[in-house]
Protein backbone atom coordinates (compact mmCIF):
# COMPACT_ATOMS: atom_id res chain seq x y z
CA MET A 1 63.02 21.69 79.15
CA PRO A 2 59.93 22.50 81.20
CA ARG A 3 57.22 19.85 81.51
CA PRO A 4 53.65 20.68 80.47
CA SER A 5 51.30 21.30 83.32
CA PRO A 6 48.81 18.47 83.98
CA ASP A 7 46.04 21.02 83.99
CA LEU A 8 46.73 22.03 80.39
CA ASP A 9 44.83 20.46 77.46
CA CYS A 10 47.27 18.98 74.91
CA SER A 11 44.66 18.76 72.10
CA ALA A 12 44.71 22.35 71.20
CA GLY A 13 42.23 23.62 68.73
CA VAL A 14 39.60 20.92 69.53
CA PRO A 15 36.84 22.47 71.56
CA HIS A 16 34.96 20.22 73.96
CA SER A 17 33.12 20.32 77.23
CA ASN A 18 34.08 18.21 80.20
CA ALA A 19 30.48 18.24 81.48
CA SER A 20 28.97 16.74 78.29
CA SER A 21 31.72 14.10 78.17
CA ASN A 22 30.97 13.02 81.70
CA LYS A 23 27.22 12.60 80.91
CA ALA A 24 27.63 10.65 77.62
CA GLY A 25 30.01 8.08 79.06
CA PRO A 26 27.55 6.27 81.39
CA ILE A 27 24.83 6.26 78.69
CA ARG A 28 27.14 4.56 76.21
CA ARG A 29 28.22 2.01 78.78
CA TRP A 30 24.64 1.14 79.77
CA GLY A 31 23.60 0.89 76.09
CA LEU A 32 26.45 -1.52 75.30
CA ARG A 33 25.58 -3.61 78.36
CA LEU A 34 21.92 -3.80 77.29
CA LEU A 35 22.80 -4.84 73.72
CA PHE A 36 25.24 -7.45 75.01
CA SER A 37 22.61 -8.91 77.39
CA VAL A 38 20.00 -9.14 74.62
CA GLY A 39 22.54 -10.84 72.36
CA LEU A 40 23.31 -13.42 75.03
CA MET A 41 19.62 -14.13 75.56
CA ILE A 42 19.01 -14.66 71.83
CA ALA A 43 22.08 -16.88 71.46
CA GLY A 44 21.05 -18.96 74.46
CA THR A 45 17.52 -19.36 73.13
CA LEU A 46 18.60 -20.53 69.67
CA ILE A 47 21.65 -22.63 70.52
CA LEU A 48 21.10 -24.08 73.98
CA ARG A 49 17.96 -26.01 73.10
CA PRO A 50 16.82 -29.00 75.17
CA HIS A 51 17.01 -31.28 72.11
CA GLY A 52 20.55 -32.52 72.58
CA GLY A 53 22.12 -29.10 71.88
CA GLU A 54 21.08 -29.14 68.22
CA LEU A 55 20.24 -25.97 66.35
CA ALA A 56 16.64 -26.54 65.31
CA ALA A 57 14.19 -23.91 64.18
CA ALA A 58 10.75 -24.48 65.66
CA PRO A 59 7.81 -24.29 63.29
CA PRO A 60 5.70 -21.13 63.52
CA ARG A 61 2.84 -21.34 65.99
CA HIS A 62 -0.11 -19.17 66.76
CA GLY A 63 0.06 -17.10 69.93
CA ARG A 64 2.02 -14.23 71.39
CA PHE A 65 5.37 -13.34 69.89
CA VAL A 66 7.37 -13.80 73.09
CA GLU A 67 5.91 -17.26 73.77
CA ARG A 68 6.49 -18.35 70.19
CA PHE A 69 10.08 -17.05 70.23
CA PHE A 70 11.29 -18.37 73.59
CA SER A 71 9.20 -21.52 74.01
CA SER A 72 11.12 -24.76 73.34
CA ARG A 73 8.21 -27.17 73.67
CA PRO A 74 7.15 -28.94 70.45
CA GLU A 75 3.71 -28.19 69.08
CA PRO A 76 1.24 -30.86 70.28
CA LYS A 77 -0.07 -33.14 67.53
CA PRO A 78 -3.85 -33.11 67.18
CA GLN A 79 -5.65 -36.21 68.32
CA LEU A 80 -7.44 -38.36 65.76
CA ILE A 81 -11.17 -37.87 65.91
CA ALA A 82 -13.57 -40.79 66.20
CA VAL A 83 -14.75 -42.07 62.83
CA PRO A 84 -17.81 -44.15 61.90
CA VAL A 85 -17.63 -47.94 62.08
CA PRO A 86 -19.64 -50.20 59.72
CA MET A 87 -22.36 -52.33 61.25
CA PRO A 88 -21.66 -56.06 61.56
CA ALA A 89 -23.08 -58.36 58.93
CA GLY A 90 -26.48 -59.87 59.70
CA GLU A 91 -27.60 -63.46 59.48
CA ALA A 92 -29.33 -62.90 56.12
CA GLU A 93 -26.13 -61.47 54.65
CA ARG A 94 -24.07 -64.45 55.81
CA GLU A 95 -26.62 -66.83 54.35
CA ALA A 96 -26.45 -64.97 51.05
CA ALA A 97 -22.66 -65.41 51.03
CA ASP A 98 -23.07 -69.16 51.56
CA ARG A 99 -25.55 -69.33 48.68
CA LEU A 100 -23.08 -67.48 46.48
CA GLN A 101 -20.39 -70.07 47.20
CA ALA A 102 -22.79 -72.92 46.37
CA LYS A 103 -24.03 -71.20 43.20
CA VAL A 104 -20.57 -70.54 41.80
CA ALA A 105 -19.40 -74.02 42.77
CA SER A 106 -22.30 -75.63 40.92
CA ALA A 107 -21.72 -73.41 37.89
CA GLY A 108 -18.05 -74.39 37.84
CA GLY A 109 -18.75 -78.11 37.51
CA GLY A 110 -18.79 -78.91 41.18
CA ARG A 111 -15.34 -77.43 41.78
CA GLN A 112 -15.30 -75.62 45.10
CA GLN A 113 -12.43 -73.91 46.81
CA ALA A 114 -11.28 -75.96 49.77
CA THR A 115 -11.03 -74.01 53.01
CA ALA A 116 -8.67 -75.21 55.68
CA SER A 117 -10.03 -75.57 59.19
CA PRO A 118 -8.20 -73.82 62.05
CA ALA A 119 -6.91 -77.16 63.30
CA GLU A 120 -5.23 -78.01 60.00
CA SER A 121 -1.62 -77.01 59.50
CA ILE A 122 -0.63 -74.67 56.69
CA ASN A 123 1.37 -76.40 53.96
CA LEU A 124 4.34 -74.30 52.88
CA PRO A 125 5.36 -74.39 49.20
CA ASP A 126 8.34 -76.52 48.27
CA TRP A 127 11.55 -75.22 46.68
CA ALA A 128 10.50 -76.06 43.11
CA THR A 129 7.30 -74.03 43.52
CA LEU A 130 9.27 -71.04 44.79
CA VAL A 131 11.69 -71.28 41.86
CA ARG A 132 8.80 -71.38 39.38
CA PHE A 133 7.19 -68.40 41.09
CA GLY A 134 10.44 -66.44 40.92
CA LYS A 135 10.92 -67.18 37.23
CA ALA A 136 7.31 -66.20 36.50
CA ALA A 137 7.71 -62.92 38.41
CA GLU A 138 10.91 -62.19 36.49
CA ALA A 139 9.18 -62.90 33.17
CA VAL A 140 6.29 -60.61 34.08
CA GLY A 141 8.71 -57.84 35.06
CA TRP A 142 10.58 -58.06 31.77
CA HIS A 143 7.27 -58.12 29.88
CA VAL A 144 6.07 -54.95 31.61
CA MET A 145 9.39 -53.18 31.09
CA LYS A 146 9.65 -54.04 27.41
CA THR A 147 6.03 -53.24 26.68
CA ALA A 148 5.57 -50.10 28.73
CA VAL A 149 8.88 -48.37 28.00
CA ASP A 150 10.29 -47.96 24.51
CA SER A 151 13.92 -46.84 24.70
CA SER A 152 13.94 -45.82 21.04
CA TYR A 153 11.00 -43.44 21.43
CA LYS A 154 11.80 -39.79 20.62
CA PRO A 155 9.16 -37.05 20.68
CA SER A 156 8.59 -35.36 17.33
CA ALA A 157 7.16 -31.97 16.56
CA GLU A 158 5.03 -33.50 13.82
CA PRO A 159 2.30 -36.06 14.58
CA LEU A 160 3.39 -39.62 13.90
CA TYR A 161 -0.09 -41.13 13.76
CA GLU A 162 -3.23 -40.48 11.85
CA PRO A 163 -5.77 -38.59 13.98
CA ILE A 164 -8.68 -40.59 15.29
CA LEU A 165 -12.03 -39.26 14.13
CA VAL A 166 -14.15 -37.86 16.90
CA ALA A 167 -17.76 -38.93 17.10
CA ALA A 168 -18.87 -35.30 16.98
CA GLY A 169 -17.03 -34.79 13.69
CA GLU A 170 -18.69 -37.82 12.17
CA GLN A 171 -22.11 -36.55 13.21
CA LYS A 172 -21.30 -33.17 11.66
CA ASN A 173 -20.40 -34.78 8.34
CA GLN A 174 -23.61 -36.77 8.40
CA SER A 175 -25.68 -33.66 8.99
CA GLU A 176 -23.96 -31.80 6.18
CA SER A 177 -24.68 -34.63 3.72
CA GLY A 178 -28.35 -34.68 4.46
CA GLY A 179 -28.23 -36.98 7.47
CA LEU A 180 -31.37 -35.61 9.07
CA ARG A 181 -33.14 -38.91 8.54
CA ALA A 182 -30.21 -40.76 10.10
CA LYS A 183 -30.54 -38.65 13.23
CA GLU A 184 -34.22 -39.45 13.45
CA LYS A 185 -33.44 -43.16 13.20
CA VAL A 186 -30.84 -42.86 15.96
CA THR A 187 -33.35 -41.08 18.19
CA GLU A 188 -35.98 -43.74 17.55
CA ALA A 189 -33.45 -46.49 18.27
CA LYS A 190 -32.49 -44.85 21.57
CA GLN A 191 -36.10 -44.54 22.64
CA ALA A 192 -36.77 -48.18 21.73
CA SER A 193 -33.67 -49.25 23.62
CA ARG A 194 -34.80 -47.37 26.71
CA LYS A 195 -38.25 -48.95 26.55
CA LYS A 196 -36.73 -52.39 26.10
CA THR A 197 -34.31 -51.88 28.98
CA SER A 198 -36.97 -50.64 31.37
CA GLY A 199 -39.32 -53.45 30.36
CA ALA A 200 -36.65 -56.15 30.74
CA ASN A 201 -36.04 -55.17 34.37
CA PRO A 202 -39.30 -55.00 36.33
CA PHE A 203 -37.38 -53.74 39.40
CA ALA A 204 -35.87 -50.75 37.59
CA SER A 205 -36.46 -47.49 39.43
CA LYS A 206 -38.97 -45.30 37.57
CA LYS A 207 -38.12 -42.17 39.55
CA PRO A 208 -34.88 -40.33 40.36
CA ILE A 209 -32.79 -41.80 43.16
CA GLY A 210 -32.43 -38.55 45.09
CA PRO A 211 -34.04 -35.12 45.22
CA PRO A 212 -33.30 -32.68 42.38
CA PRO A 213 -30.42 -30.23 42.98
CA PRO A 214 -31.45 -26.94 44.59
CA LYS A 215 -31.82 -23.89 42.39
CA SER A 216 -30.61 -20.50 43.55
CA ALA A 217 -28.81 -17.49 42.13
CA ARG A 218 -25.70 -18.36 44.15
CA LEU A 219 -25.51 -21.87 42.72
CA ASP A 220 -26.13 -20.56 39.22
CA ARG A 221 -23.14 -18.21 39.56
CA LEU A 222 -21.06 -21.10 40.89
CA ARG A 223 -22.11 -23.26 37.93
CA VAL A 224 -20.98 -20.53 35.53
CA ARG A 225 -17.59 -20.24 37.25
CA ILE A 226 -17.06 -24.01 37.08
CA ALA A 227 -17.94 -24.02 33.38
CA GLN A 228 -15.50 -21.16 32.77
CA THR A 229 -12.73 -23.02 34.62
CA LEU A 230 -13.29 -26.19 32.60
CA ALA A 231 -13.32 -24.18 29.37
CA THR A 232 -9.98 -22.60 30.31
CA TYR A 233 -8.30 -25.96 30.74
CA GLN A 234 -10.03 -27.43 27.72
CA ARG A 235 -8.25 -24.85 25.56
CA ARG A 236 -4.92 -26.22 26.84
CA PRO A 237 -5.07 -29.96 25.97
CA LEU A 238 -2.44 -32.45 27.07
CA ASN A 239 -0.13 -34.03 24.50
CA THR A 240 1.39 -37.46 23.94
CA SER A 241 4.97 -36.18 24.06
CA HIS A 242 5.05 -34.53 27.49
CA HIS A 243 2.34 -36.35 29.43
CA SER A 244 2.22 -39.95 30.66
CA PRO A 245 -0.73 -42.37 30.36
CA TRP A 246 -1.49 -41.66 34.04
CA GLU A 247 -1.96 -37.96 33.29
CA ILE A 248 -3.97 -38.56 30.12
CA MET A 249 -6.17 -41.06 31.97
CA HIS A 250 -7.02 -38.54 34.69
CA GLY A 251 -7.93 -36.01 32.03
CA PHE A 252 -10.84 -38.30 31.11
CA VAL A 253 -12.51 -37.59 34.44
CA SER A 254 -12.88 -33.87 33.74
CA PHE A 255 -14.14 -33.90 30.16
CA GLY A 256 -15.36 -37.48 29.60
CA ILE A 257 -15.58 -39.10 26.17
CA PRO A 258 -15.04 -35.84 24.18
CA THR A 259 -11.58 -35.39 25.80
CA GLN A 260 -8.99 -34.45 23.20
CA ILE A 261 -5.18 -34.49 23.27
CA ARG A 262 -2.48 -33.45 20.80
CA ALA A 263 -0.59 -36.27 19.10
CA GLY A 264 3.18 -35.93 18.85
CA GLY A 265 3.63 -32.70 20.79
CA PRO A 266 2.06 -29.40 21.88
CA ARG A 267 1.40 -28.45 18.24
CA GLY A 268 0.21 -31.83 17.04
CA GLU A 269 -3.20 -32.64 15.68
CA LEU A 270 -6.11 -33.04 18.07
CA VAL A 271 -7.24 -36.65 18.57
CA ASN A 272 -9.72 -38.32 20.88
CA ALA A 273 -7.89 -39.19 24.11
CA ILE A 274 -9.84 -42.35 24.99
CA GLY A 275 -9.61 -43.61 21.42
CA TRP A 276 -5.84 -43.00 21.45
CA MET A 277 -5.30 -44.92 24.70
CA ASN A 278 -7.62 -47.77 23.68
CA SER A 279 -5.76 -48.11 20.38
CA GLY A 280 -2.38 -48.69 22.00
CA GLY A 281 -1.13 -45.14 21.39
CA ARG A 282 2.03 -44.21 23.26
CA CYS A 283 2.12 -41.34 25.73
CA ARG A 284 5.59 -40.24 26.77
CA GLY A 285 6.87 -43.53 25.37
CA GLN A 286 4.49 -45.73 27.40
CA VAL A 287 1.29 -47.61 26.63
CA MET A 288 -1.52 -48.25 29.08
CA LEU A 289 -2.91 -51.45 27.55
CA THR A 290 -1.12 -54.57 26.37
CA VAL A 291 -2.02 -58.21 25.73
CA ARG A 292 -1.39 -60.93 28.31
CA ASP A 293 -2.69 -64.50 28.15
CA GLY A 294 -4.88 -63.61 25.19
CA ARG A 295 -6.68 -60.83 27.10
CA PRO A 296 -6.26 -57.05 27.30
CA HIS A 297 -4.24 -56.08 30.35
CA ALA A 298 -3.83 -52.62 31.92
CA LEU A 299 -0.26 -52.08 33.07
CA TYR A 300 0.64 -50.99 36.60
CA GLY A 301 3.56 -48.75 37.59
CA VAL A 302 5.00 -45.25 37.42
CA GLY A 303 3.20 -43.24 34.75
CA LEU A 304 0.60 -46.01 34.32
CA GLN A 305 -2.08 -47.35 36.64
CA GLY A 306 -1.53 -46.44 40.28
CA HIS A 307 -4.04 -49.04 41.50
CA SER A 308 -5.42 -52.31 40.25
CA GLY A 309 -8.51 -51.80 38.09
CA GLN A 310 -8.05 -48.01 37.96
CA TYR A 311 -8.22 -47.68 34.17
CA LEU A 312 -11.49 -49.66 33.95
CA ALA A 313 -12.92 -47.53 36.78
CA ILE A 314 -12.14 -44.31 34.91
CA LEU A 315 -13.66 -45.69 31.71
CA ALA A 316 -16.77 -46.47 33.76
CA GLN A 317 -16.90 -42.95 35.18
CA CYS A 318 -16.71 -41.61 31.62
CA ARG A 319 -19.62 -43.91 30.63
CA VAL A 320 -17.59 -45.66 27.92
CA SER A 321 -19.62 -48.48 26.40
CA ALA A 322 -18.63 -52.10 27.04
CA LYS A 323 -18.78 -52.58 23.26
CA SER A 324 -16.16 -49.90 22.64
CA PRO A 325 -13.20 -51.39 20.70
CA LEU A 326 -9.68 -51.97 22.04
CA LEU A 327 -7.17 -52.22 19.18
CA LEU A 328 -3.90 -53.57 20.61
CA GLY A 329 -1.50 -54.37 17.82
CA GLU A 330 -2.88 -57.22 15.75
CA HIS A 331 -5.52 -58.05 18.38
CA GLU A 332 -9.03 -56.63 18.46
CA PHE A 333 -10.89 -56.59 21.77
CA THR A 334 -13.65 -54.62 23.44
CA VAL A 335 -14.01 -53.09 26.88
CA ALA A 336 -16.03 -56.21 27.78
CA ASP A 337 -12.81 -58.25 27.45
CA LEU A 338 -11.07 -55.89 29.87
CA ILE A 339 -13.98 -56.37 32.29
CA GLU A 340 -13.47 -60.15 32.18
CA ALA A 341 -9.76 -59.69 32.85
CA GLU A 342 -10.45 -57.51 35.92
CA LYS A 343 -12.90 -60.08 37.26
CA LEU A 344 -10.07 -62.62 37.32
CA ASN A 345 -7.83 -60.27 39.35
CA CYS A 346 -10.10 -60.06 42.42
CA ARG A 347 -8.33 -61.24 45.58
CA ALA A 348 -9.49 -61.06 49.19
CA GLY A 349 -7.58 -58.71 51.49
CA THR A 350 -6.34 -56.46 48.67
CA GLU A 351 -7.41 -53.04 47.47
CA LEU A 352 -10.60 -53.60 45.48
CA THR A 353 -11.83 -49.99 45.40
CA PHE A 354 -11.41 -49.38 41.68
CA ALA A 355 -12.50 -52.90 40.75
CA LEU A 356 -15.74 -52.20 42.63
CA ILE A 357 -16.30 -48.94 40.74
CA GLY A 358 -15.70 -50.49 37.32
CA LEU A 359 -17.52 -53.79 37.84
CA ALA A 360 -20.49 -52.16 39.59
CA HIS A 361 -20.97 -49.97 36.53
CA TYR A 362 -20.73 -52.67 33.86
CA LEU A 363 -22.14 -55.78 35.59
CA PRO A 364 -25.69 -56.49 36.80
CA THR A 365 -26.00 -56.45 40.57
CA ASP A 366 -26.63 -60.21 40.76
CA ALA A 367 -23.56 -61.17 38.69
CA THR A 368 -21.28 -63.92 40.01
CA TRP A 369 -17.91 -65.12 38.77
CA ARG A 370 -14.79 -67.00 39.78
CA SER A 371 -11.40 -65.28 40.09
CA ARG A 372 -8.07 -66.61 38.90
CA ASP A 373 -7.37 -68.31 42.25
CA GLY A 374 -10.74 -70.13 42.21
CA GLU A 375 -12.58 -67.91 44.72
CA ALA A 376 -16.28 -67.15 44.24
CA TRP A 377 -17.04 -63.46 43.77
CA SER A 378 -19.99 -61.13 43.34
CA LEU A 379 -20.65 -57.42 43.70
CA GLU A 380 -21.98 -58.07 47.19
CA ARG A 381 -18.69 -59.69 48.18
CA LEU A 382 -16.76 -56.75 46.72
CA MET A 383 -18.84 -54.45 48.93
CA GLN A 384 -18.16 -56.66 51.95
CA GLU A 385 -14.41 -56.71 51.30
CA GLU A 386 -14.32 -52.92 50.99
CA LEU A 387 -16.28 -52.46 54.20
CA LYS A 388 -13.61 -54.48 56.02
CA GLN A 389 -10.84 -52.15 54.88
CA PRO A 390 -9.98 -48.90 56.73
CA ILE A 391 -10.72 -45.46 55.35
CA ARG A 392 -7.89 -43.30 56.68
CA THR A 393 -5.04 -45.36 55.22
CA ALA A 394 -6.69 -45.78 51.81
CA PRO A 395 -5.57 -43.73 48.75
CA CYS A 396 -6.46 -40.03 48.83
CA GLY A 397 -7.50 -40.26 52.46
CA GLY A 398 -10.15 -42.90 51.74
CA THR A 399 -12.31 -40.78 49.44
CA HIS A 400 -12.00 -43.29 46.60
CA ARG A 401 -13.15 -46.11 48.87
CA LEU A 402 -16.18 -44.14 50.04
CA PHE A 403 -16.95 -43.24 46.42
CA GLY A 404 -16.86 -46.93 45.44
CA LEU A 405 -19.22 -47.90 48.26
CA ALA A 406 -21.61 -45.06 47.41
CA TYR A 407 -21.56 -45.91 43.70
CA GLY A 408 -22.26 -49.58 44.43
CA CYS A 409 -25.29 -48.55 46.49
CA GLN A 410 -26.47 -46.22 43.74
CA ARG A 411 -26.30 -48.93 41.09
CA ARG A 412 -28.11 -51.39 43.36
CA LEU A 413 -30.87 -48.88 44.13
CA LYS A 414 -31.31 -48.11 40.45
CA ALA A 415 -31.57 -51.81 39.56
CA THR A 416 -33.84 -53.08 42.35
CA GLY A 417 -35.37 -49.98 43.93
CA GLU A 418 -34.15 -50.86 47.44
CA LEU A 419 -31.02 -51.38 49.52
CA ASP A 420 -30.71 -54.55 51.57
CA GLY A 421 -27.99 -56.59 53.23
CA VAL A 422 -24.49 -55.27 52.67
CA TYR A 423 -25.82 -52.38 50.59
CA GLU A 424 -27.86 -51.10 53.53
CA ARG A 425 -24.79 -51.31 55.79
CA ALA A 426 -22.64 -49.49 53.22
CA ASP A 427 -25.26 -46.77 52.75
CA ARG A 428 -25.35 -46.03 56.49
CA TYR A 429 -21.55 -46.10 56.62
CA VAL A 430 -21.16 -43.55 53.83
CA ARG A 431 -23.86 -41.29 55.27
CA ASP A 432 -22.13 -41.34 58.67
CA TYR A 433 -18.94 -40.14 57.00
CA GLN A 434 -20.88 -37.42 55.19
CA ASN A 435 -22.31 -36.16 58.49
CA LEU A 436 -18.86 -36.31 60.10
CA THR A 437 -17.35 -34.27 57.28
CA LEU A 438 -20.02 -31.58 57.27
CA ARG A 439 -20.20 -31.23 61.07
CA ARG A 440 -16.57 -31.52 62.19
CA LEU A 441 -14.22 -31.33 59.20
CA GLN A 442 -15.39 -28.22 57.35
CA ASN A 443 -13.41 -25.00 57.73
CA ARG A 444 -14.86 -21.53 58.11
CA ASP A 445 -14.26 -20.65 54.47
CA GLY A 446 -16.22 -23.70 53.28
CA SER A 447 -13.18 -25.84 52.46
CA PHE A 448 -12.60 -29.20 54.10
CA SER A 449 -9.80 -30.52 56.25
CA THR A 450 -6.38 -30.81 54.61
CA GLU A 451 -5.81 -33.91 56.76
CA TRP A 452 -8.71 -35.80 55.18
CA PHE A 453 -10.66 -37.66 57.90
CA LYS A 454 -7.99 -37.48 60.65
CA TYR A 455 -8.85 -34.18 62.32
CA PRO A 456 -9.79 -30.56 61.38
CA ALA A 457 -6.91 -28.76 59.66
CA ASP A 458 -6.36 -25.91 57.24
CA SER A 459 -2.71 -26.07 56.21
CA ARG A 460 -1.50 -23.95 53.32
CA ASN A 461 1.42 -26.36 52.81
CA ALA A 462 -0.83 -29.39 52.20
CA LEU A 463 -0.38 -29.12 48.44
């Protein structure tokens, strides 16, 4: 059988050109080589990292695409900017602190807290004292757990409590029943109270503390937008079934005394939020206030207070009267009793920010008292203790601490007409932080740094 000639094409019926085949072959080979090289480069960039061979995706950085894709160096962390430092206390301020100690000691029957000299050795507590302390801490923990959390609590669609009458509703009923004369009496009583208050304090400031707010069309539009935003949220009140006392408490700050919540669930009846909390009403199965040692006590923990004295500070910011009632079970107190309880809780070296806000609002600026551990305290000492504490590591970046210092200065200026001693130091300290914020920590769009007072930043992932 004859062999086929090598010059013959065995794929009969398939037309092709030898010239085109010879040209396409090198192109395909070079294309495959190029794709293979790019694949090796990408694999080497992602896998062979200098961080111990781990596969780690670098965070996105600003700059050119090639540098961002191939660079393996970590993004440098911004340096902390320099922050203001409070001035040291003067001789007059130290003398005032010594007079405070002597005044409180004489008022307490000659009892004065003994201070150990540096040469004296520190006496450690004995075993019996430690055992008593442990048992007391255990008892307090059980008390908080049993009082704050009710395991048998189950939210109901229907309200379980009678709604608390709102002051506005009472005024409306009075006006409908011919209470015009009652309103006139209330107005006259307010005017007489103002005259009496201003006359009782000869140092009271007769003029506004600061300049009036500027008026412009831009600020008027902004005021309208803020009012519209508040009205939007006011139409969606919180409720006692889904929201904790911590959430209800922070709702006070936005709407003040008229704040309303729904009792029992989203469709429950509207009640006054502050009246509900001050009457021992439960929110998500927890209560904010309880009774301890015959005094009202604000609980601390998850869903409750996040800081010591926080509930009193928020009541102060809402301008709740010290005579406002606290109905806790069979006990009847007032906000003044809660103020006395917070005065006993003052301790040096602890966070006193919210205690300063609450006590500066309710107490006169020259008030003095003794805490539970026998230490002498005053509003001036609270200001001094807060000036010693850092700003950056404080809650919410230190804004609460600066607010407390500023509010203490405002109350002092309103009472005496001047700032002296520790109040003058605190005023300069707060103003230095204001200048720092406006000059170095404000972004181009008007917002402020998402890293508080650390350094300028505008991160979208901050929230």
